[in-house]
Amino acid sequence: MTSEAGEIMMQARTVEQIAEVERKYEELQQQLRADAAAREAVAAARKAEVATMAAEQSTSYKFSI
């Protein structure tokens, strides 16, 4: 194998490694977006639960007077 062929093989491997890093980066970005969406959903559910509890207490208070 000539040194030129060896260099081309090294460059090809480097390109493959870069592509792999980019793929993993995209996977991590997607996971971060999914995690953020899940946290937002939990926060919205908690907010709705608090609002429901407040409304129930308000209704309960009105009827107890």
N, C-alpha and C. Protein backbone atom coordinates (compact mmCIF):
# COMPACT_ATOMS: atom_id res chain seq x y z
N MET A 1 0.85 -1.17 0.00
CA MET A 1 0.00 0.00 0.00
C MET A 1 0.89 1.24 0.00
N THR A 2 0.56 2.19 -0.84
CA THR A 2 1.34 3.41 -0.92
C THR A 2 0.96 4.33 0.23
N SER A 3 1.78 5.31 0.48
CA SER A 3 1.47 6.26 1.55
C SER A 3 0.23 7.07 1.19
N GLU A 4 0.02 7.29 -0.10
CA GLU A 4 -1.18 8.02 -0.53
C GLU A 4 -2.43 7.21 -0.20
N ALA A 5 -2.38 5.92 -0.47
CA ALA A 5 -3.52 5.05 -0.16
C ALA A 5 -3.76 5.01 1.34
N GLY A 6 -2.70 4.96 2.12
CA GLY A 6 -2.84 4.96 3.58
C GLY A 6 -3.45 6.25 4.07
N GLU A 7 -3.04 7.36 3.48
CA GLU A 7 -3.59 8.66 3.87
C GLU A 7 -5.07 8.74 3.53
N ILE A 8 -5.43 8.23 2.36
CA ILE A 8 -6.84 8.23 1.95
C ILE A 8 -7.66 7.38 2.91
N MET A 9 -7.12 6.24 3.32
CA MET A 9 -7.83 5.38 4.27
C MET A 9 -8.00 6.08 5.62
N MET A 10 -6.96 6.80 6.06
CA MET A 10 -7.05 7.54 7.32
C MET A 10 -8.10 8.64 7.22
N GLN A 11 -8.12 9.33 6.08
CA GLN A 11 -9.11 10.38 5.89
C GLN A 11 -10.53 9.81 5.86
N ALA A 12 -10.69 8.66 5.22
CA ALA A 12 -12.00 8.01 5.16
C ALA A 12 -12.45 7.62 6.57
N ARG A 13 -11.54 7.10 7.36
CA ARG A 13 -11.88 6.73 8.74
C ARG A 13 -12.24 7.96 9.55
N THR A 14 -11.53 9.04 9.35
CA THR A 14 -11.83 10.29 10.05
C THR A 14 -13.23 10.79 9.68
N VAL A 15 -13.57 10.71 8.41
CA VAL A 15 -14.90 11.11 7.96
C VAL A 15 -15.96 10.22 8.60
N GLU A 16 -15.69 8.92 8.69
CA GLU A 16 -16.63 8.00 9.34
C GLU A 16 -16.80 8.34 10.81
N GLN A 17 -15.71 8.67 11.47
CA GLN A 17 -15.79 9.03 12.88
C GLN A 17 -16.58 10.31 13.09
N ILE A 18 -16.36 11.29 12.23
CA ILE A 18 -17.11 12.54 12.32
C ILE A 18 -18.59 12.28 12.11
N ALA A 19 -18.93 11.46 11.13
CA ALA A 19 -20.34 11.13 10.87
C ALA A 19 -20.96 10.45 12.08
N GLU A 20 -20.22 9.57 12.73
CA GLU A 20 -20.72 8.88 13.92
C GLU A 20 -20.96 9.86 15.06
N VAL A 21 -20.03 10.78 15.26
CA VAL A 21 -20.19 11.79 16.31
C VAL A 21 -21.41 12.66 16.01
N GLU A 22 -21.58 13.05 14.77
CA GLU A 22 -22.75 13.87 14.40
C GLU A 22 -24.05 13.09 14.65
N ARG A 23 -24.06 11.80 14.34
CA ARG A 23 -25.26 10.98 14.55
C ARG A 23 -25.58 10.90 16.05
N LYS A 24 -24.56 10.66 16.86
CA LYS A 24 -24.76 10.59 18.30
C LYS A 24 -25.23 11.93 18.86
N TYR A 25 -24.67 13.01 18.33
CA TYR A 25 -25.08 14.35 18.76
C TYR A 25 -26.56 14.56 18.46
N GLU A 26 -27.01 14.18 17.27
CA GLU A 26 -28.42 14.31 16.90
C GLU A 26 -29.30 13.47 17.82
N GLU A 27 -28.87 12.26 18.13
CA GLU A 27 -29.63 11.41 19.05
C GLU A 27 -29.77 12.07 20.41
N LEU A 28 -28.68 12.64 20.90
CA LEU A 28 -28.72 13.31 22.20
C LEU A 28 -29.62 14.54 22.15
N GLN A 29 -29.57 15.28 21.05
CA GLN A 29 -30.45 16.45 20.90
C GLN A 29 -31.91 16.02 20.93
N GLN A 30 -32.23 14.95 20.22
CA GLN A 30 -33.61 14.45 20.21
C GLN A 30 -34.03 14.01 21.61
N GLN A 31 -33.13 13.36 22.34
CA GLN A 31 -33.46 12.93 23.70
C GLN A 31 -33.68 14.13 24.60
N LEU A 32 -32.85 15.16 24.45
CA LEU A 32 -33.03 16.37 25.26
C LEU A 32 -34.37 17.04 24.96
N ARG A 33 -34.75 17.08 23.67
CA ARG A 33 -36.04 17.66 23.32
C ARG A 33 -37.19 16.84 23.90
N ALA A 34 -37.07 15.52 23.85
CA ALA A 34 -38.10 14.66 24.41
C ALA A 34 -38.19 14.83 25.93
N ASP A 35 -37.04 14.91 26.59
CA ASP A 35 -37.03 15.11 28.04
C ASP A 35 -37.67 16.45 28.41
N ALA A 36 -37.35 17.49 27.66
CA ALA A 36 -37.92 18.81 27.92
C ALA A 36 -39.44 18.79 27.73
N ALA A 37 -39.90 18.13 26.68
CA ALA A 37 -41.34 18.03 26.44
C ALA A 37 -42.02 17.26 27.57
N ALA A 38 -41.38 16.22 28.06
CA ALA A 38 -41.95 15.45 29.17
C ALA A 38 -42.03 16.31 30.43
N ARG A 39 -40.98 17.08 30.71
CA ARG A 39 -41.00 17.96 31.89
C ARG A 39 -42.10 19.00 31.76
N GLU A 40 -42.28 19.55 30.56
CA GLU A 40 -43.34 20.54 30.34
C GLU A 40 -44.71 19.92 30.54
N ALA A 41 -44.89 18.68 30.09
CA ALA A 41 -46.17 18.00 30.26
C ALA A 41 -46.47 17.76 31.74
N VAL A 42 -45.45 17.37 32.50
CA VAL A 42 -45.63 17.16 33.94
C VAL A 42 -45.98 18.47 34.61
N ALA A 43 -45.29 19.54 34.25
CA ALA A 43 -45.57 20.84 34.84
C ALA A 43 -46.99 21.30 34.52
N ALA A 44 -47.43 21.09 33.29
CA ALA A 44 -48.79 21.47 32.91
C ALA A 44 -49.82 20.65 33.68
N ALA A 45 -49.55 19.35 33.85
CA ALA A 45 -50.47 18.49 34.60
C ALA A 45 -50.55 18.94 36.06
N ARG A 46 -49.42 19.28 36.64
CA ARG A 46 -49.42 19.76 38.04
C ARG A 46 -50.18 21.07 38.16
N LYS A 47 -49.97 21.95 37.20
CA LYS A 47 -50.67 23.24 37.21
C LYS A 47 -52.18 23.01 37.12
N ALA A 48 -52.60 22.10 36.24
CA ALA A 48 -54.02 21.79 36.10
C ALA A 48 -54.56 21.18 37.38
N GLU A 49 -53.77 20.32 38.02
CA GLU A 49 -54.21 19.70 39.26
C GLU A 49 -54.39 20.74 40.36
N VAL A 50 -53.46 21.67 40.45
CA VAL A 50 -53.56 22.74 41.44
C VAL A 50 -54.79 23.60 41.17
N ALA A 51 -55.03 23.91 39.92
CA ALA A 51 -56.20 24.72 39.57
C ALA A 51 -57.48 23.98 39.92
N THR A 52 -57.52 22.68 39.66
CA THR A 52 -58.69 21.87 39.99
C THR A 52 -58.91 21.83 41.50
N MET A 53 -57.83 21.64 42.24
CA MET A 53 -57.95 21.61 43.70
C MET A 53 -58.43 22.95 44.23
N ALA A 54 -57.92 24.04 43.68
CA ALA A 54 -58.33 25.37 44.12
C ALA A 54 -59.81 25.60 43.80
N ALA A 55 -60.24 25.16 42.63
CA ALA A 55 -61.65 25.32 42.27
C ALA A 55 -62.53 24.48 43.18
N GLU A 56 -62.11 23.27 43.50
CA GLU A 56 -62.88 22.41 44.39
C GLU A 56 -62.97 23.01 45.79
N GLN A 57 -61.86 23.56 46.27
CA GLN A 57 -61.87 24.18 47.60
C GLN A 57 -62.76 25.41 47.61
N SER A 58 -62.72 26.17 46.53
CA SER A 58 -63.56 27.36 46.42
C SER A 58 -65.03 26.97 46.44
N THR A 59 -65.38 25.94 45.68
CA THR A 59 -66.76 25.46 45.63
C THR A 59 -67.16 24.91 46.99
N SER A 60 -66.27 24.15 47.61
CA SER A 60 -66.53 23.57 48.92
C SER A 60 -66.73 24.67 49.95
N TYR A 61 -65.95 25.71 49.88
CA TYR A 61 -66.04 26.83 50.83
C TYR A 61 -67.39 27.53 50.65
N LYS A 62 -67.81 27.75 49.41
CA LYS A 62 -69.08 28.43 49.15
C LYS A 62 -70.25 27.64 49.72
N PHE A 63 -70.20 26.32 49.63
CA PHE A 63 -71.30 25.50 50.11
C PHE A 63 -71.29 25.32 51.62
N SER A 64 -70.15 25.56 52.23
CA SER A 64 -70.07 25.36 53.68
C SER A 64 -70.50 26.59 54.45
N ILE A 65 -70.69 27.69 53.75
CA ILE A 65 -71.10 28.94 54.44
C ILE A 65 -72.57 28.92 54.75
